[in-house]
Each structure stands twice: as structure tokens, then as C-alpha cells.
Amino acid sequence: VGPRLFFQRVPEGKVVKNRVHLDVRVGRGLVGDERLAALEAECARLVGLGAARVRLLRADGVNESCLVMQDIEGNEFCLD
């Protein structure tokens, strides 16, 4: 119940200050256009709160689409 945080090790070393990258689950269980619509709706809501849209990563046959965003301090997170 409620939000969960998952910490995942990555092979890349620290490059910049932002060492934690959050993926916010928005389209769980959704695929295709239905997933994109859910991501876009949440993106619009967050932009209204001060976040910035960075880029859309489209589904590639292995991974579903996700949206890369930035918070007001420039830290990246994904809508997944």
C-alpha cells in the first residue's frame, strides 16, 4: 500500500551530484497508447507543479515507454 522505493545498483560510477534516480510508477500494467496516455497525464500534472519534461523514451520491444523528467532542482526522475 502506498509508494515504494526500490534502490538498484548500477555499473556506472558517480558523474554528477544527482546520485539517486527515482522511477515513479504511473503506467503499471498498461501498454501502448494506454500507457502513453497515463504517462502524459501525469507529466502534465507534474509540469503544473514545477517539474520539467526532458524526453520521452519510446517502447523498444524490450522496455515499455517512459518519460524522463526533472524536478525544480534539476534532478532527473522517470515516469514509468
N, C-alpha and C. Protein backbone atom coordinates (compact mmCIF):
# COMPACT_ATOMS: atom_id res chain seq x y z
N VAL A 1 0.85 -1.18 0.00
CA VAL A 1 0.00 0.00 0.00
C VAL A 1 0.89 1.23 0.00
N GLY A 2 0.58 2.19 -0.83
CA GLY A 2 1.34 3.44 -0.87
C GLY A 2 2.60 3.34 -1.70
N PRO A 3 3.35 4.41 -1.76
CA PRO A 3 4.57 4.45 -2.57
C PRO A 3 5.63 3.49 -2.05
N ARG A 4 6.42 2.96 -2.97
CA ARG A 4 7.56 2.10 -2.61
C ARG A 4 8.81 2.69 -3.25
N LEU A 5 9.94 2.54 -2.59
CA LEU A 5 11.22 2.93 -3.16
C LEU A 5 12.03 1.67 -3.40
N PHE A 6 12.64 1.58 -4.57
CA PHE A 6 13.49 0.45 -4.92
C PHE A 6 14.86 1.00 -5.26
N PHE A 7 15.90 0.58 -4.54
CA PHE A 7 17.26 1.03 -4.79
C PHE A 7 17.98 -0.05 -5.59
N GLN A 8 18.50 0.35 -6.73
CA GLN A 8 19.14 -0.58 -7.65
C GLN A 8 20.57 -0.15 -7.91
N ARG A 9 21.52 -1.07 -7.78
CA ARG A 9 22.91 -0.77 -8.11
C ARG A 9 23.06 -0.70 -9.62
N VAL A 10 23.90 0.23 -10.07
CA VAL A 10 24.20 0.35 -11.49
C VAL A 10 25.71 0.33 -11.66
N PRO A 11 26.19 -0.09 -12.84
CA PRO A 11 27.64 -0.21 -13.03
C PRO A 11 28.35 1.14 -13.17
N GLU A 12 27.63 2.18 -13.55
CA GLU A 12 28.26 3.48 -13.75
C GLU A 12 28.66 4.10 -12.42
N GLY A 13 29.79 4.77 -12.42
CA GLY A 13 30.23 5.50 -11.24
C GLY A 13 29.55 6.84 -11.15
N LYS A 14 29.74 7.52 -10.04
CA LYS A 14 29.17 8.85 -9.84
C LYS A 14 29.80 9.82 -10.83
N VAL A 15 28.95 10.56 -11.53
CA VAL A 15 29.42 11.53 -12.52
C VAL A 15 29.05 12.95 -12.10
N VAL A 16 27.84 13.10 -11.58
CA VAL A 16 27.35 14.41 -11.15
C VAL A 16 26.70 14.26 -9.78
N LYS A 17 26.23 15.37 -9.25
CA LYS A 17 25.68 15.40 -7.89
C LYS A 17 24.50 14.44 -7.69
N ASN A 18 23.60 14.35 -8.67
CA ASN A 18 22.39 13.53 -8.53
C ASN A 18 22.74 12.06 -8.52
N ARG A 19 22.77 11.44 -7.35
CA ARG A 19 23.15 10.04 -7.23
C ARG A 19 21.96 9.11 -7.06
N VAL A 20 20.78 9.65 -6.91
CA VAL A 20 19.58 8.83 -6.79
C VAL A 20 18.65 9.23 -7.93
N HIS A 21 18.18 8.24 -8.65
CA HIS A 21 17.26 8.47 -9.76
C HIS A 21 15.98 7.70 -9.45
N LEU A 22 14.90 8.41 -9.27
CA LEU A 22 13.63 7.78 -8.94
C LEU A 22 12.83 7.46 -10.20
N ASP A 23 12.22 6.30 -10.22
CA ASP A 23 11.23 5.94 -11.23
C ASP A 23 9.88 5.95 -10.53
N VAL A 24 8.98 6.77 -11.01
CA VAL A 24 7.65 6.89 -10.42
C VAL A 24 6.69 6.05 -11.26
N ARG A 25 6.11 5.02 -10.65
CA ARG A 25 5.21 4.13 -11.37
C ARG A 25 3.90 4.83 -11.68
N VAL A 26 3.61 4.94 -12.95
CA VAL A 26 2.38 5.58 -13.40
C VAL A 26 1.57 4.62 -14.25
N GLY A 27 2.24 3.91 -15.14
CA GLY A 27 1.55 3.07 -16.10
C GLY A 27 1.65 1.59 -15.81
N ARG A 28 1.68 1.24 -14.55
CA ARG A 28 1.83 -0.18 -14.17
C ARG A 28 0.73 -1.03 -14.82
N GLY A 29 1.15 -2.03 -15.56
CA GLY A 29 0.22 -2.93 -16.21
C GLY A 29 -0.35 -2.41 -17.52
N LEU A 30 -0.01 -1.19 -17.87
CA LEU A 30 -0.52 -0.60 -19.12
C LEU A 30 0.51 -0.73 -20.22
N VAL A 31 0.05 -0.83 -21.46
CA VAL A 31 0.95 -0.92 -22.61
C VAL A 31 0.43 -0.03 -23.73
N GLY A 32 1.34 0.27 -24.67
CA GLY A 32 0.95 1.00 -25.87
C GLY A 32 0.37 2.38 -25.59
N ASP A 33 -0.67 2.71 -26.35
CA ASP A 33 -1.28 4.05 -26.26
C ASP A 33 -1.88 4.32 -24.89
N GLU A 34 -2.42 3.29 -24.25
CA GLU A 34 -3.00 3.48 -22.91
C GLU A 34 -1.91 3.90 -21.92
N ARG A 35 -0.74 3.27 -22.02
CA ARG A 35 0.39 3.63 -21.16
C ARG A 35 0.86 5.06 -21.45
N LEU A 36 1.02 5.39 -22.72
CA LEU A 36 1.45 6.75 -23.08
C LEU A 36 0.48 7.81 -22.57
N ALA A 37 -0.82 7.53 -22.64
CA ALA A 37 -1.81 8.48 -22.14
C ALA A 37 -1.67 8.69 -20.64
N ALA A 38 -1.42 7.62 -19.89
CA ALA A 38 -1.23 7.74 -18.44
C ALA A 38 0.03 8.53 -18.12
N LEU A 39 1.12 8.26 -18.86
CA LEU A 39 2.37 9.00 -18.65
C LEU A 39 2.19 10.48 -18.96
N GLU A 40 1.54 10.78 -20.07
CA GLU A 40 1.33 12.17 -20.47
C GLU A 40 0.46 12.92 -19.47
N ALA A 41 -0.56 12.27 -18.95
CA ALA A 41 -1.44 12.92 -17.96
C ALA A 41 -0.67 13.26 -16.69
N GLU A 42 0.15 12.32 -16.21
CA GLU A 42 0.93 12.58 -15.00
C GLU A 42 2.00 13.62 -15.27
N CYS A 43 2.59 13.60 -16.46
CA CYS A 43 3.58 14.61 -16.85
C CYS A 43 2.96 16.00 -16.79
N ALA A 44 1.78 16.16 -17.36
CA ALA A 44 1.10 17.46 -17.35
C ALA A 44 0.84 17.93 -15.92
N ARG A 45 0.43 17.02 -15.06
CA ARG A 45 0.17 17.38 -13.67
C ARG A 45 1.45 17.85 -12.99
N LEU A 46 2.55 17.13 -13.21
CA LEU A 46 3.81 17.49 -12.57
C LEU A 46 4.42 18.76 -13.14
N VAL A 47 4.27 18.99 -14.44
CA VAL A 47 4.74 20.25 -15.03
C VAL A 47 4.01 21.42 -14.38
N GLY A 48 2.73 21.25 -14.10
CA GLY A 48 1.95 22.29 -13.42
C GLY A 48 2.45 22.56 -12.01
N LEU A 49 3.16 21.60 -11.42
CA LEU A 49 3.73 21.76 -10.08
C LEU A 49 5.18 22.22 -10.10
N GLY A 50 5.74 22.42 -11.31
CA GLY A 50 7.10 22.95 -11.41
C GLY A 50 8.12 22.02 -12.02
N ALA A 51 7.76 20.77 -12.31
CA ALA A 51 8.71 19.85 -12.95
C ALA A 51 8.87 20.22 -14.42
N ALA A 52 9.89 19.65 -15.04
CA ALA A 52 10.14 19.90 -16.47
C ALA A 52 10.21 18.55 -17.20
N ARG A 53 9.62 18.52 -18.36
CA ARG A 53 9.70 17.32 -19.21
C ARG A 53 11.05 17.35 -19.93
N VAL A 54 11.77 16.24 -19.91
CA VAL A 54 13.08 16.16 -20.58
C VAL A 54 12.95 15.43 -21.90
N ARG A 55 12.48 14.18 -21.87
CA ARG A 55 12.33 13.43 -23.11
C ARG A 55 11.45 12.20 -22.89
N LEU A 56 10.86 11.75 -23.98
CA LEU A 56 10.08 10.52 -23.98
C LEU A 56 10.97 9.41 -24.52
N LEU A 57 11.08 8.33 -23.79
CA LEU A 57 11.78 7.14 -24.27
C LEU A 57 10.71 6.16 -24.72
N ARG A 58 10.60 5.95 -26.01
CA ARG A 58 9.55 5.10 -26.57
C ARG A 58 9.85 3.61 -26.36
N ALA A 59 8.81 2.81 -26.32
CA ALA A 59 8.94 1.36 -26.21
C ALA A 59 9.84 0.86 -27.33
N ASP A 60 10.70 -0.12 -26.98
CA ASP A 60 11.66 -0.62 -27.96
C ASP A 60 11.55 -2.13 -28.19
N GLY A 61 10.48 -2.74 -27.77
CA GLY A 61 10.32 -4.17 -27.91
C GLY A 61 10.77 -4.94 -26.69
N VAL A 62 11.62 -4.32 -25.86
CA VAL A 62 12.08 -4.93 -24.62
C VAL A 62 11.50 -4.17 -23.44
N ASN A 63 11.61 -2.85 -23.47
CA ASN A 63 11.11 -1.98 -22.41
C ASN A 63 9.92 -1.17 -22.91
N GLU A 64 8.99 -0.92 -22.00
CA GLU A 64 7.86 -0.06 -22.33
C GLU A 64 8.31 1.40 -22.31
N SER A 65 7.49 2.29 -22.82
CA SER A 65 7.80 3.71 -22.84
C SER A 65 7.90 4.28 -21.43
N CYS A 66 8.73 5.31 -21.27
CA CYS A 66 8.79 6.06 -20.02
C CYS A 66 9.13 7.51 -20.36
N LEU A 67 8.86 8.40 -19.43
CA LEU A 67 9.12 9.83 -19.60
C LEU A 67 10.18 10.27 -18.60
N VAL A 68 11.24 10.88 -19.10
CA VAL A 68 12.27 11.44 -18.23
C VAL A 68 11.87 12.86 -17.88
N MET A 69 11.90 13.17 -16.60
CA MET A 69 11.51 14.48 -16.09
C MET A 69 12.62 15.05 -15.23
N GLN A 70 12.50 16.33 -14.86
CA GLN A 70 13.39 16.95 -13.88
C GLN A 70 12.56 17.66 -12.83
N ASP A 71 13.02 17.56 -11.57
CA ASP A 71 12.35 18.32 -10.52
C ASP A 71 12.85 19.77 -10.59
N ILE A 72 12.38 20.61 -9.69
CA ILE A 72 12.72 22.03 -9.76
C ILE A 72 14.19 22.32 -9.49
N GLU A 73 14.92 21.33 -8.93
CA GLU A 73 16.36 21.49 -8.70
C GLU A 73 17.20 20.85 -9.79
N GLY A 74 16.56 20.30 -10.82
CA GLY A 74 17.27 19.71 -11.93
C GLY A 74 17.58 18.24 -11.79
N ASN A 75 17.09 17.59 -10.73
CA ASN A 75 17.31 16.16 -10.54
C ASN A 75 16.36 15.38 -11.45
N GLU A 76 16.91 14.43 -12.19
CA GLU A 76 16.10 13.65 -13.10
C GLU A 76 15.35 12.52 -12.37
N PHE A 77 14.16 12.22 -12.89
CA PHE A 77 13.39 11.06 -12.45
C PHE A 77 12.56 10.62 -13.65
N CYS A 78 12.09 9.40 -13.60
CA CYS A 78 11.29 8.88 -14.72
C CYS A 78 9.87 8.59 -14.30
N LEU A 79 8.96 8.85 -15.21
CA LEU A 79 7.60 8.36 -15.07
C LEU A 79 7.57 7.05 -15.82
N ASP A 80 7.28 5.99 -15.10
CA ASP A 80 7.42 4.65 -15.66
C ASP A 80 6.09 3.92 -15.60
